[in-house]
Structure formats: C-alpha cells, structure tokens
Protein backbone atom coordinates (compact mmCIF):
# COMPACT_ATOMS: atom_id res chain seq x y z
CA MET A 1 0.00 0.00 0.00
CA THR A 2 2.74 2.50 0.89
CA GLU A 3 4.33 1.99 -2.52
CA ASN A 4 1.06 2.79 -4.30
CA ILE A 5 0.41 5.84 -2.14
CA ALA A 6 3.93 7.11 -2.90
CA LYS A 7 3.33 6.57 -6.63
CA ILE A 8 0.10 8.55 -6.46
CA ALA A 9 1.83 11.43 -4.72
CA ALA A 10 4.76 11.37 -7.18
CA LEU A 11 2.33 11.71 -10.10
CA GLY A 12 0.97 14.93 -8.62
CA TYR A 13 -2.33 13.78 -7.11
CA ASP A 14 -3.64 15.63 -4.06
CA GLY A 15 -5.48 12.77 -2.37
CA VAL A 16 -6.22 9.07 -2.36
CA GLU A 17 -9.70 7.60 -2.06
CA LEU A 18 -9.86 4.43 0.05
CA ALA A 19 -12.01 1.43 -0.88
CA VAL A 20 -12.77 -0.30 2.41
CA ARG A 21 -14.79 -3.48 2.87
CA ASP A 22 -14.51 -3.62 6.66
CA PRO A 23 -12.79 -0.92 8.75
CA ALA A 24 -12.20 -3.45 11.52
CA LEU A 25 -9.58 -5.11 9.31
CA LEU A 26 -7.55 -1.93 8.76
CA ASP A 27 -4.42 -0.70 10.47
CA VAL A 28 -5.67 2.88 10.56
CA PRO A 29 -2.58 4.52 12.14
CA TYR A 30 -0.41 2.87 9.46
CA ILE A 31 -2.60 4.24 6.67
CA MET A 32 -2.78 7.69 8.23
CA LYS A 33 1.00 7.81 8.48
CA ALA A 34 1.46 6.70 4.85
CA VAL A 35 -0.98 9.33 3.63
CA ALA A 36 0.53 12.12 5.74
CA THR A 37 4.11 11.20 4.82
CA ASN A 38 3.21 11.70 1.16
CA ASN A 39 1.33 14.97 1.79
CA LEU A 40 -1.97 13.52 0.64
CA VAL A 41 -5.46 13.56 2.11
CA VAL A 42 -8.30 11.02 2.02
CA PRO A 43 -11.36 12.76 0.55
CA ALA A 44 -13.70 9.75 0.49
CA ILE A 45 -14.23 6.20 1.70
CA GLY A 46 -15.69 3.71 -0.81
CA THR A 47 -17.93 0.99 0.60
CA GLY A 48 -18.98 -1.08 -2.41
CA GLN A 49 -16.86 -4.10 -1.52
CA ALA A 50 -19.18 -4.87 1.40
CA PHE A 51 -21.93 -5.47 -1.15
CA ALA A 52 -19.80 -7.13 -3.81
CA GLU A 53 -17.90 -9.49 -1.52
CA GLU A 54 -20.30 -10.02 1.39
CA GLY A 55 -23.72 -9.28 -0.07
CA LEU A 56 -24.55 -6.63 2.53
CA SER A 57 -27.21 -4.15 1.49
CA PHE A 58 -29.84 -1.82 2.92
CA THR A 59 -32.55 -3.56 0.88
CA HIS A 60 -31.76 -7.25 1.36
CA PRO A 61 -34.90 -9.37 2.02
CA ASP A 62 -33.27 -10.65 5.23
CA GLY A 63 -33.64 -8.10 8.03
CA GLY A 64 -30.48 -9.38 9.69
CA VAL A 65 -28.45 -8.60 6.58
CA ARG A 66 -30.00 -5.13 6.40
CA ARG A 67 -29.02 -4.47 10.03
CA GLU A 68 -25.49 -5.69 9.34
CA ALA A 69 -25.25 -3.35 6.34
CA VAL A 70 -26.27 -0.38 8.49
CA ALA A 71 -23.77 -1.38 11.17
CA ARG A 72 -21.02 -1.64 8.55
CA ILE A 73 -21.73 1.85 7.21
CA GLN A 74 -21.78 3.18 10.76
CA SER A 75 -18.29 1.75 11.22
CA GLN A 76 -17.29 3.41 7.93
CA ILE A 77 -18.57 6.68 9.36
CA GLU A 78 -16.27 6.29 12.36
CA LEU A 79 -13.37 5.65 9.98
CA ALA A 80 -14.26 8.63 7.80
CA ALA A 81 -14.34 10.93 10.83
CA GLN A 82 -10.66 10.20 11.41
CA PHE A 83 -9.78 11.33 7.87
CA ASP A 84 -12.36 14.13 7.50
CA ALA A 85 -13.69 12.13 4.53
CA VAL A 86 -17.12 11.53 3.04
CA VAL A 87 -18.62 8.04 3.01
CA ILE A 88 -19.77 6.85 -0.41
CA LEU A 89 -23.11 5.05 -0.57
CA GLY A 90 -23.08 3.15 -3.84
CA LEU A 91 -24.05 -0.48 -4.30
CA ILE A 92 -24.50 -0.97 -0.56
CA ARG A 93 -28.06 0.22 -1.18
CA GLY A 94 -28.76 -3.07 -2.98
CA ARG A 95 -31.49 -3.87 -5.49
CA THR A 96 -35.20 -4.58 -5.55
CA SER A 97 -36.49 -8.15 -5.22
CA PRO A 98 -39.23 -9.53 -7.54
CA GLN A 99 -41.18 -10.93 -4.60
CA ILE A 100 -41.16 -7.69 -2.58
CA ASP A 101 -43.16 -4.54 -3.31
CA ARG A 102 -40.89 -1.74 -4.56
CA GLU A 103 -42.35 0.77 -2.11
CA LYS A 104 -41.44 -1.54 0.77
CA VAL A 105 -37.88 -1.76 -0.54
CA LEU A 106 -37.71 2.03 -0.75
CA THR A 107 -38.94 2.23 2.84
CA TRP A 108 -36.14 -0.11 3.95
CA LEU A 109 -33.66 2.04 2.05
CA THR A 110 -34.99 5.27 3.51
CA ASP A 111 -34.98 3.89 7.06
CA ALA A 112 -31.41 2.63 6.69
CA LEU A 113 -30.24 5.96 5.35
CA ARG A 114 -31.89 7.80 8.23
CA GLU A 115 -30.06 5.60 10.74
CA CYS A 116 -26.78 6.27 8.97
CA VAL A 117 -27.20 10.02 8.59
CA ASP A 118 -28.05 10.25 12.28
CA ARG A 119 -24.75 8.59 13.22
CA ALA A 120 -22.90 10.64 10.62
CA SER A 121 -24.30 13.94 11.88
CA ARG A 122 -22.94 13.18 15.36
CA ARG A 123 -19.49 12.67 13.82
CA ALA A 124 -19.70 15.66 11.41
CA VAL A 125 -19.45 13.30 8.43
CA LYS A 126 -21.23 13.64 5.08
CA LEU A 127 -22.70 10.68 3.24
CA ALA A 128 -22.51 10.74 -0.55
CA LEU A 129 -25.33 8.94 -2.39
CA GLU A 130 -24.19 7.86 -5.86
CA PRO A 131 -26.57 7.33 -8.80
CA ILE A 132 -25.45 4.10 -10.50
CA ASN A 133 -26.40 2.79 -13.94
CA ARG A 134 -29.25 0.33 -14.54
CA TYR A 135 -26.92 -2.58 -15.36
CA GLU A 136 -25.61 -2.64 -11.78
CA THR A 137 -28.74 -1.79 -9.78
CA ASP A 138 -32.38 -0.83 -10.31
CA LEU A 139 -32.41 1.58 -7.36
CA VAL A 140 -31.36 5.23 -7.80
CA ASN A 141 -30.05 5.30 -11.37
CA THR A 142 -30.31 9.01 -12.14
CA VAL A 143 -29.59 12.34 -10.53
CA ALA A 144 -33.35 12.94 -10.30
CA ASP A 145 -33.75 9.62 -8.46
CA ALA A 146 -31.00 10.60 -6.03
CA ILE A 147 -32.48 14.03 -5.37
CA ASP A 148 -35.87 12.46 -4.70
CA LEU A 149 -34.35 10.04 -2.20
CA THR A 150 -32.33 12.69 -0.38
CA GLU A 151 -35.49 14.77 -0.03
CA ARG A 152 -37.35 11.72 1.25
CA VAL A 153 -34.64 11.14 3.89
CA GLY A 154 -34.54 14.85 4.74
CA ALA A 155 -31.02 15.19 6.14
CA GLN A 156 -28.55 18.01 5.49
CA ASN A 157 -25.55 15.66 5.62
CA LEU A 158 -26.84 13.36 2.86
CA ALA A 159 -25.43 14.75 -0.38
CA LEU A 160 -24.63 13.41 -3.85
CA LEU A 161 -21.67 11.82 -5.55
CA LEU A 162 -21.88 12.08 -9.33
CA ASP A 163 -19.93 9.77 -11.62
CA SER A 164 -19.39 10.68 -15.27
CA PHE A 165 -19.42 7.02 -16.39
CA HIS A 166 -22.82 6.28 -14.86
CA MET A 167 -24.21 9.63 -15.96
CA ASN A 168 -23.13 9.01 -19.55
CA ILE A 169 -25.38 5.93 -19.54
CA GLU A 170 -28.39 7.26 -17.67
CA GLU A 171 -28.72 11.02 -18.12
CA PRO A 172 -30.28 12.65 -21.20
CA SER A 173 -27.69 15.40 -20.71
CA LEU A 174 -24.72 14.83 -18.46
CA PHE A 175 -24.16 18.59 -18.22
CA ASP A 176 -27.77 19.46 -17.39
CA SER A 177 -27.80 16.81 -14.68
CA ILE A 178 -24.68 18.26 -13.06
CA ARG A 179 -26.47 21.62 -13.03
CA GLN A 180 -29.57 19.96 -11.57
CA ALA A 181 -27.54 18.45 -8.71
CA GLY A 182 -25.79 21.78 -8.13
CA PRO A 183 -25.01 22.46 -4.47
CA ARG A 184 -26.00 18.90 -3.50
CA ILE A 185 -22.74 17.57 -4.98
CA CYS A 186 -20.15 16.70 -2.34
CA HIS A 187 -17.87 14.41 -4.38
CA PHE A 188 -17.29 13.70 -8.07
CA HIS A 189 -15.94 10.64 -9.92
CA VAL A 190 -14.48 10.74 -13.40
CA ALA A 191 -14.22 7.86 -15.82
CA ASP A 192 -14.65 8.02 -19.58
CA SER A 193 -17.54 6.49 -21.53
CA ASN A 194 -15.78 3.10 -21.62
CA ARG A 195 -14.80 3.37 -17.91
CA TRP A 196 -11.17 3.83 -18.90
CA TYR A 197 -9.13 6.91 -17.98
CA PRO A 198 -10.43 10.35 -19.06
CA GLY A 199 -9.44 10.86 -22.69
CA ALA A 200 -9.91 7.21 -23.67
CA GLY A 201 -13.58 7.66 -24.62
CA HIS A 202 -15.91 10.41 -25.82
CA ILE A 203 -16.89 12.40 -22.69
CA ASP A 204 -16.05 16.10 -22.89
CA PHE A 205 -14.23 16.56 -19.58
CA LYS A 206 -13.36 20.18 -20.31
CA ARG A 207 -17.09 20.88 -20.35
CA VAL A 208 -17.66 18.70 -17.26
CA VAL A 209 -15.14 20.76 -15.29
CA GLN A 210 -16.63 24.01 -16.60
CA ILE A 211 -20.16 23.03 -15.48
CA LEU A 212 -18.87 21.85 -12.10
CA ARG A 213 -17.24 25.25 -11.61
CA GLU A 214 -20.50 26.98 -12.55
CA THR A 215 -22.30 25.08 -9.76
CA GLY A 216 -19.74 26.34 -7.25
CA TYR A 217 -18.31 22.89 -6.61
CA LYS A 218 -14.90 23.06 -4.92
CA GLY A 219 -14.42 19.46 -3.79
CA PHE A 220 -12.30 16.63 -5.12
CA VAL A 221 -12.54 15.19 -8.61
CA SER A 222 -11.56 11.56 -8.12
CA ALA A 223 -10.80 8.90 -10.74
CA GLU A 224 -12.74 5.65 -10.44
CA ILE A 225 -11.64 3.80 -13.55
CA LEU A 226 -10.71 0.40 -14.89
CA PRO A 227 -6.94 -0.18 -14.53
CA GLN A 228 -6.51 -0.40 -18.31
CA PRO A 229 -4.23 -0.90 -20.10
CA ASP A 230 -2.41 -1.13 -16.74
CA PRO A 231 -2.67 0.75 -13.41
CA ASP A 232 0.39 2.96 -13.91
CA THR A 233 -0.60 4.05 -17.41
CA CYS A 234 -4.17 4.89 -16.46
CA ALA A 235 -3.05 6.86 -13.40
CA GLN A 236 -0.65 8.88 -15.56
CA LYS A 237 -3.15 9.43 -18.37
CA THR A 238 -5.82 10.56 -15.90
CA ILE A 239 -3.72 13.26 -14.31
CA ASP A 240 -2.33 14.33 -17.70
CA THR A 241 -5.91 14.99 -18.85
CA MET A 242 -7.56 16.26 -15.71
CA LYS A 243 -4.96 18.43 -13.94
CA PRO A 244 -4.71 21.06 -16.70
CA LEU A 245 -8.51 21.24 -16.85
CA LEU A 246 -8.84 21.63 -13.09
CA LYS A 247 -6.15 24.31 -13.08
CA GLY A 248 -8.01 26.14 -15.82
CA ALA A 249 -5.34 25.60 -18.48
C-alpha cells in the first residue's frame, strides 16, 4: 500500500480515495502515516466491496443482513471521521427483489439511510449517495432519483456523488444533470464512456469541469476507472488529462 500511495503522490495527485470493505480489518494509524508522509489527504471512503464481496445491502430481504449493512456503514462513518472524509453510498443500497413490493424496498432504504445520517451527523461526516447505472442496480439510477431520495430522507448531511461514467449511460444530458444536482454535490468521480481513464472515450471533460465550476463545486474530482491498459498508465493518463482542466489551463 505505501508503494502505491507514494506513486500517487509522485504523479501529482492531491489525495487518495480508500475502498474499504470492513474498517475493523484496517491498520488505521499505518494508513494515516502513509498518507501524511506523502502529503496527501483522504477525501472519500468507498464501501462497495461490502456489497460485492459479502452481499450486505440496505434492501436485502433478510432483516439481519439489512441491520449488518447499516452497522457496517456506521463503522465506515467512524473511519471517515478520522480522515475528515465523506462516506460513499453506492451499491451498498442493494437492489429490488421480484417478490417484494418496490415501495417496501424504498422504505427499507430510507430507514437505513436515516439511521446512517443520524450517526454521521454526530461525527460531522457527510454521506454521498451515488446514482449508478441500470446494469448494476435498479435503485437510484439518475440524478433525479437521487435528489428524490435525499429529499425523502430529509437530512442536510446526505449529499450526492456524481460519476461521469454512470451519468453518460443514464442522463439525457450529463451537463444538465450536473447543473440539476448543483449544491447537492459533495464528491465527483471521473471515468470516460468506456470506464477507462479520461481521454480514452468520448466524454467532454473540459465541459464537465466548466459546469462543475458553474455550480460552485470546490471538492475533489476523483478517478474511479478500470486499470486499463495497466494501473500505472491509467493513473498517468488521468492526471495528464484532468490536472490542466482543473487548473483552468
């Protein structure tokens, strides 16, 4: 891990996003030291591995699994508080089930989010709800869906994470949807239309950055991309494309 963090710093990145399945398995002081030594910060904690590897979700038909998912996110909140990071709520929300009424699933999701935002507010942590494309989940695919859910939950510390890859699939206009999210955005992921590094597909990232600026967004722009053709190349290509845009070059 220290080698990768050093590589990221050497390339000119300002921070490193952590993907964490279970905070209980981490040596947090070790990670904090590695990040600080390389003059980086941790802007966000990803939580998707808890769904992908353990099947935890807020909408699982088994109430015990739903409770475990909430407990896991609450532990992620405690971790995030140590880094002053946001907690990403992506696939942990789960999917609908054919045998269960959709409104009931949405109620489970809303109740879980309310439990999590309550814990997060006590730790001064923001939660970032991410719209994800229809091929990965059938819950909260668009910016409009995400706004509706945040309003249903009704918490100031539940904001949005937008991802250019997912938006390119789901939004009629990626740029209009960024405007629609506006001040609700607390984190932003970039990946090109093929989920490779920015510049490998057809998304206009110069325009993306321009619209983000127009909304007043001042947070991190973080790469969540496939490591293609290899991790080092995609990390270099990403910063080569994005840093000049973010600096206004």
